[in-house]
Amino acid sequence: MLNFVDSTDEKLLIKNGTWAISNLCRGKPLPNIEYVVCAIPTLIRVIEKEDDSEVLQDAIWALNYLTESGRFEVGTFQDSFLERLSKLMKEPFAGVSMPTLQTLRNICLHSVALEKVKKMRLEYLKKKL
C-alpha cells in the first residue's frame, strides 16, 4: 500500500491509501510501532505535497497517532516538514488544523525538535494551546 501511495499521482488512490494507512496507525490498543513506523516517510510526503483537506486530515491524524506518547523518536523531522505543519495550523478547516496542532504538540513534548518548532511560529502555537 505504501508503494502505491508513493508511486502514483492518481488522487483517488492517494486518498484511499492514506485513509487506510491512517486506520492502520490507530486503534486500541495502539499497534506496535515496529509495524507502522515504515509508514512515516509516506505520510510526510503526502502532507508535504497534497492540498486536499481530507487527504491531509487522514495523513496528519496518522502521524499524530505515531507521535503520541513518545512511541516514535520524532527528532529527525526536517525543517521544511515542520514549516509545512506550522502553516497547516492556520488551515480554516478544523479537520486539518486540530490534528496538526496535536501532532506539533507531540513533537514538542517528545523530541528535540522543540527548538525547530519554536523558531517556526511558536507564538501561534502558544495561542492555540
Protein backbone atom coordinates (compact mmCIF):
# COMPACT_ATOMS: atom_id res chain seq x y z
CA MET A 1 0.00 0.00 0.00
CA LEU A 2 2.84 2.40 0.84
CA ASN A 3 4.34 1.81 -2.61
CA PHE A 4 1.02 2.60 -4.29
CA VAL A 5 0.63 5.89 -2.45
CA ASP A 6 4.28 6.81 -3.06
CA SER A 7 4.33 5.99 -6.75
CA THR A 8 1.08 7.44 -8.06
CA ASP A 9 -0.34 10.83 -8.91
CA GLU A 10 -3.89 9.44 -9.01
CA LYS A 11 -5.79 11.43 -6.40
CA LEU A 12 -8.32 8.73 -5.52
CA LEU A 13 -5.60 6.16 -4.90
CA ILE A 14 -3.67 8.61 -2.71
CA LYS A 15 -6.85 9.47 -0.81
CA ASN A 16 -7.91 5.87 -0.18
CA GLY A 17 -4.39 4.69 0.56
CA THR A 18 -3.80 7.48 3.07
CA TRP A 19 -7.12 6.70 4.76
CA ALA A 20 -6.14 3.02 5.05
CA ILE A 21 -2.68 3.88 6.43
CA SER A 22 -4.29 6.18 8.99
CA ASN A 23 -6.59 3.41 10.15
CA LEU A 24 -3.66 1.01 10.49
CA CYS A 25 -1.86 3.51 12.74
CA ARG A 26 -4.65 3.92 15.29
CA GLY A 27 -6.77 1.74 17.48
CA LYS A 28 -6.98 0.47 21.00
CA PRO A 29 -4.57 -0.87 21.86
CA LEU A 30 -2.29 1.11 19.58
CA PRO A 31 -0.44 -1.08 17.07
CA ASN A 32 3.15 -1.99 17.79
CA ILE A 33 5.25 0.90 16.50
CA GLU A 34 7.61 -1.53 14.76
CA TYR A 35 4.80 -2.49 12.38
CA VAL A 36 3.70 1.01 11.41
CA VAL A 37 6.86 3.13 11.57
CA CYS A 38 7.55 2.35 7.90
CA ALA A 39 4.54 4.50 7.00
CA ILE A 40 6.12 7.71 8.28
CA PRO A 41 8.09 8.64 5.11
CA THR A 42 4.93 8.13 3.03
CA LEU A 43 2.83 10.22 5.41
CA ILE A 44 5.41 13.01 5.32
CA ARG A 45 5.41 13.02 1.51
CA VAL A 46 1.60 13.15 1.44
CA ILE A 47 1.49 16.02 3.93
CA GLU A 48 4.15 17.96 2.03
CA LYS A 49 2.63 17.63 -1.44
CA GLU A 50 -1.16 17.24 -1.08
CA ASP A 51 -3.68 20.05 -0.73
CA ASP A 52 -6.88 18.01 -0.44
CA SER A 53 -8.17 18.61 3.09
CA GLU A 54 -9.49 15.05 3.53
CA VAL A 55 -6.16 13.53 2.50
CA LEU A 56 -4.28 15.93 4.76
CA GLN A 57 -6.62 15.17 7.64
CA ASP A 58 -6.04 11.40 7.37
CA ALA A 59 -2.26 11.74 6.95
CA ILE A 60 -1.90 14.15 9.87
CA TRP A 61 -4.07 12.02 12.16
CA ALA A 62 -1.92 9.01 11.29
CA LEU A 63 1.22 10.95 12.14
CA ASN A 64 -0.44 12.13 15.35
CA TYR A 65 -1.12 8.53 16.38
CA LEU A 66 2.50 7.61 15.69
CA THR A 67 3.96 10.52 17.64
CA GLU A 68 1.74 10.37 20.72
CA SER A 69 3.13 9.06 23.99
CA GLY A 70 6.68 9.25 22.67
CA ARG A 71 6.30 5.95 20.83
CA PHE A 72 8.40 7.23 17.95
CA GLU A 73 11.51 9.43 18.05
CA VAL A 74 10.42 12.46 16.10
CA GLY A 75 13.60 14.49 16.37
CA THR A 76 14.62 13.71 12.82
CA PHE A 77 11.89 15.70 11.04
CA GLN A 78 13.23 18.18 8.52
CA ASP A 79 12.69 21.90 8.97
CA SER A 80 10.69 22.06 5.74
CA PHE A 81 8.23 19.48 7.07
CA LEU A 82 7.84 21.29 10.39
CA GLU A 83 7.28 24.51 8.45
CA ARG A 84 4.52 22.80 6.44
CA LEU A 85 2.85 21.62 9.65
CA SER A 86 3.05 25.06 11.18
CA LYS A 87 1.36 26.53 8.07
CA LEU A 88 -1.38 23.89 8.24
CA MET A 89 -2.27 25.07 11.76
CA LYS A 90 -3.78 28.12 10.08
CA GLU A 91 -5.97 25.98 7.82
CA PRO A 92 -9.57 27.18 8.24
CA PHE A 93 -10.85 23.59 8.19
CA ALA A 94 -10.64 22.30 11.78
CA GLY A 95 -10.30 18.75 10.45
CA VAL A 96 -6.79 19.73 9.34
CA SER A 97 -5.78 22.37 11.88
CA MET A 98 -6.69 20.38 15.03
CA PRO A 99 -4.73 17.19 14.26
CA THR A 100 -1.88 19.40 13.06
CA LEU A 101 -1.82 21.19 16.39
CA GLN A 102 -1.90 17.89 18.27
CA THR A 103 0.90 16.46 16.14
CA LEU A 104 3.08 19.51 16.74
CA ARG A 105 2.32 19.24 20.44
CA ASN A 106 3.51 15.62 20.36
CA ILE A 107 6.66 16.62 18.53
CA CYS A 108 7.34 19.31 21.12
CA LEU A 109 6.69 17.06 24.06
CA HIS A 110 8.61 14.03 22.86
CA SER A 111 11.63 15.20 20.94
CA VAL A 112 14.49 17.56 20.45
CA ALA A 113 12.57 19.15 17.58
CA LEU A 114 11.12 21.62 20.06
CA GLU A 115 13.78 24.18 19.18
CA LYS A 116 12.90 23.88 15.48
CA VAL A 117 9.22 24.37 16.19
CA LYS A 118 9.94 27.33 18.46
CA LYS A 119 11.68 29.06 15.61
CA MET A 120 8.71 28.42 13.31
CA ARG A 121 5.66 30.09 14.78
CA LEU A 122 5.79 29.16 18.43
CA GLU A 123 3.80 32.32 19.13
CA TYR A 124 0.88 30.87 17.19
CA LEU A 125 1.21 27.51 18.93
CA LYS A 126 1.05 29.16 22.35
CA LYS A 127 -2.16 30.96 21.42
CA LYS A 128 -3.81 27.69 20.39
CA LEU A 129 -2.73 25.75 23.47
